[in-house]
């Protein structure tokens, strides 16, 4: 296994992490921003107010994007295990 193959696998892995975690992080960021604006406008300074909407939105995001995330991870693992024979030579 050459250094270039290791770098290619690492690059693909990092890109997969970005593709699968990115949408959920963006959802959390948007919901957090909306709740922060709401807190600022209404002068509510409750620290725990942001957690419930974020958790609910992340669960909804997982429900909507879960099949895409799982399919992406399974395809990557199948390609990795499929080429395992090439790596050990």
C-alpha atoms as a PDB file:
ATOM      1  CA  UNK A   1       0.000   0.000   0.000  1.00  0.00           C
ATOM      2  CA  UNK A   2       1.516   3.276  -1.085  1.00  0.00           C
ATOM      3  CA  UNK A   3       1.297   6.652   0.557  1.00  0.00           C
ATOM      4  CA  UNK A   4      -0.878   7.907  -2.293  1.00  0.00           C
ATOM      5  CA  UNK A   5      -3.467   5.151  -1.665  1.00  0.00           C
ATOM      6  CA  UNK A   6      -3.543   6.025   2.040  1.00  0.00           C
ATOM      7  CA  UNK A   7      -4.003   9.705   1.197  1.00  0.00           C
ATOM      8  CA  UNK A   8      -6.785   8.871  -1.268  1.00  0.00           C
ATOM      9  CA  UNK A   9      -8.651   6.805   1.334  1.00  0.00           C
ATOM     10  CA  UNK A  10      -8.158   9.532   3.940  1.00  0.00           C
ATOM     11  CA  UNK A  11      -9.401  12.169   1.522  1.00  0.00           C
ATOM     12  CA  UNK A  12     -12.485  10.132   0.647  1.00  0.00           C
ATOM     13  CA  UNK A  13     -13.168   9.522   4.343  1.00  0.00           C
ATOM     14  CA  UNK A  14     -12.965  13.205   5.227  1.00  0.00           C
ATOM     15  CA  UNK A  15     -15.215  14.113   2.294  1.00  0.00           C
ATOM     16  CA  UNK A  16     -17.738  11.469   3.440  1.00  0.00           C
ATOM     17  CA  UNK A  17     -17.723  12.916   6.960  1.00  0.00           C
ATOM     18  CA  UNK A  18     -18.392  16.385   5.551  1.00  0.00           C
ATOM     19  CA  UNK A  19     -21.186  15.114   3.292  1.00  0.00           C
ATOM     20  CA  UNK A  20     -22.934  13.191   6.047  1.00  0.00           C
ATOM     21  CA  UNK A  21     -22.477  15.534   9.010  1.00  0.00           C
ATOM     22  CA  UNK A  22     -22.718  18.815   7.129  1.00  0.00           C
ATOM     23  CA  UNK A  23     -26.477  18.930   6.560  1.00  0.00           C
ATOM     24  CA  UNK A  24     -27.233  18.157  10.206  1.00  0.00           C
ATOM     25  CA  UNK A  25     -24.764  20.782  11.385  1.00  0.00           C
ATOM     26  CA  UNK A  26     -26.305  23.353   9.044  1.00  0.00           C
ATOM     27  CA  UNK A  27     -29.781  22.532  10.379  1.00  0.00           C
ATOM     28  CA  UNK A  28     -28.529  22.964  13.943  1.00  0.00           C
ATOM     29  CA  UNK A  29     -26.839  26.240  13.038  1.00  0.00           C
ATOM     30  CA  UNK A  30     -29.958  27.684  11.418  1.00  0.00           C
ATOM     31  CA  UNK A  31     -32.230  26.653  14.281  1.00  0.00           C
ATOM     32  CA  UNK A  32     -29.757  28.048  16.797  1.00  0.00           C
ATOM     33  CA  UNK A  33     -29.641  31.336  14.927  1.00  0.00           C
ATOM     34  CA  UNK A  34     -33.437  31.575  14.792  1.00  0.00           C
ATOM     35  CA  UNK A  35     -33.750  30.838  18.512  1.00  0.00           C
ATOM     36  CA  UNK A  36     -31.023  33.394  19.301  1.00  0.00           C
ATOM     37  CA  UNK A  37     -32.818  36.066  17.303  1.00  0.00           C
ATOM     38  CA  UNK A  38     -36.065  35.148  19.084  1.00  0.00           C
ATOM     39  CA  UNK A  39     -34.328  35.408  22.466  1.00  0.00           C
ATOM     40  CA  UNK A  40     -32.866  38.783  21.568  1.00  0.00           C
ATOM     41  CA  UNK A  41     -36.154  40.198  20.334  1.00  0.00           C
ATOM     42  CA  UNK A  42     -38.157  38.991  23.325  1.00  0.00           C
ATOM     43  CA  UNK A  43     -35.377  39.606  25.900  1.00  0.00           C
ATOM     44  CA  UNK A  44     -35.641  36.017  27.136  1.00  0.00           C
ATOM     45  CA  UNK A  45     -32.238  34.967  28.451  1.00  0.00           C
ATOM     46  CA  UNK A  46     -32.936  31.329  29.252  1.00  0.00           C
ATOM     47  CA  UNK A  47     -29.868  29.234  28.368  1.00  0.00           C
ATOM     48  CA  UNK A  48     -31.761  25.943  28.070  1.00  0.00           C
ATOM     49  CA  UNK A  49     -34.234  27.321  25.529  1.00  0.00           C
ATOM     50  CA  UNK A  50     -31.919  26.553  22.604  1.00  0.00           C
ATOM     51  CA  UNK A  51     -31.499  22.849  23.360  1.00  0.00           C
ATOM     52  CA  UNK A  52     -35.019  21.549  22.748  1.00  0.00           C
ATOM     53  CA  UNK A  53     -35.528  23.113  19.296  1.00  0.00           C
ATOM     54  CA  UNK A  54     -32.062  21.998  18.213  1.00  0.00           C
ATOM     55  CA  UNK A  55     -32.615  18.438  19.389  1.00  0.00           C
ATOM     56  CA  UNK A  56     -36.016  18.247  17.701  1.00  0.00           C
ATOM     57  CA  UNK A  57     -34.641  19.674  14.460  1.00  0.00           C
ATOM     58  CA  UNK A  58     -31.693  17.265  14.487  1.00  0.00           C
ATOM     59  CA  UNK A  59     -34.034  14.304  15.034  1.00  0.00           C
ATOM     60  CA  UNK A  60     -36.200  15.495  12.145  1.00  0.00           C
ATOM     61  CA  UNK A  61     -33.086  15.942  10.021  1.00  0.00           C
ATOM     62  CA  UNK A  62     -31.963  12.420  10.832  1.00  0.00           C
ATOM     63  CA  UNK A  63     -35.405  11.106   9.934  1.00  0.00           C
ATOM     64  CA  UNK A  64     -35.323  12.919   6.589  1.00  0.00           C
ATOM     65  CA  UNK A  65     -31.643  12.453   5.727  1.00  0.00           C
ATOM     66  CA  UNK A  66     -30.954   9.173   7.511  1.00  0.00           C
ATOM     67  CA  UNK A  67     -31.320   6.996   4.433  1.00  0.00           C
ATOM     68  CA  UNK A  68     -28.949   9.245   2.453  1.00  0.00           C
ATOM     69  CA  UNK A  69     -26.378   9.164   5.265  1.00  0.00           C
ATOM     70  CA  UNK A  70     -26.623   5.400   5.696  1.00  0.00           C
ATOM     71  CA  UNK A  71     -26.443   4.765   1.950  1.00  0.00           C
ATOM     72  CA  UNK A  72     -23.352   6.957   1.632  1.00  0.00           C
ATOM     73  CA  UNK A  73     -21.570   5.190   4.481  1.00  0.00           C
ATOM     74  CA  UNK A  74     -22.516   1.712   3.246  1.00  0.00           C
ATOM     75  CA  UNK A  75     -21.354   2.483  -0.302  1.00  0.00           C
ATOM     76  CA  UNK A  76     -18.034   3.784   1.008  1.00  0.00           C
ATOM     77  CA  UNK A  77     -17.506   0.728   3.211  1.00  0.00           C
ATOM     78  CA  UNK A  78     -18.423  -1.645   0.373  1.00  0.00           C
ATOM     79  CA  UNK A  79     -15.894   0.026  -1.920  1.00  0.00           C
ATOM     80  CA  UNK A  80     -13.282  -0.044   0.835  1.00  0.00           C
ATOM     81  CA  UNK A  81     -13.831  -3.699   1.655  1.00  0.00           C
ATOM     82  CA  UNK A  82     -14.091  -4.563  -2.043  1.00  0.00           C
ATOM     83  CA  UNK A  83     -10.613  -3.214  -2.695  1.00  0.00           C
ATOM     84  CA  UNK A  84      -9.129  -4.660   0.503  1.00  0.00           C
ATOM     85  CA  UNK A  85      -7.258  -7.320  -1.490  1.00  0.00           C
ATOM     86  CA  UNK A  86      -5.342  -4.640  -3.367  1.00  0.00           C
ATOM     87  CA  UNK A  87      -4.243  -2.971  -0.139  1.00  0.00           C
ATOM     88  CA  UNK A  88      -2.540  -5.951   1.464  1.00  0.00           C
ATOM     89  CA  UNK A  89      -0.168  -6.617  -1.440  1.00  0.00           C
END
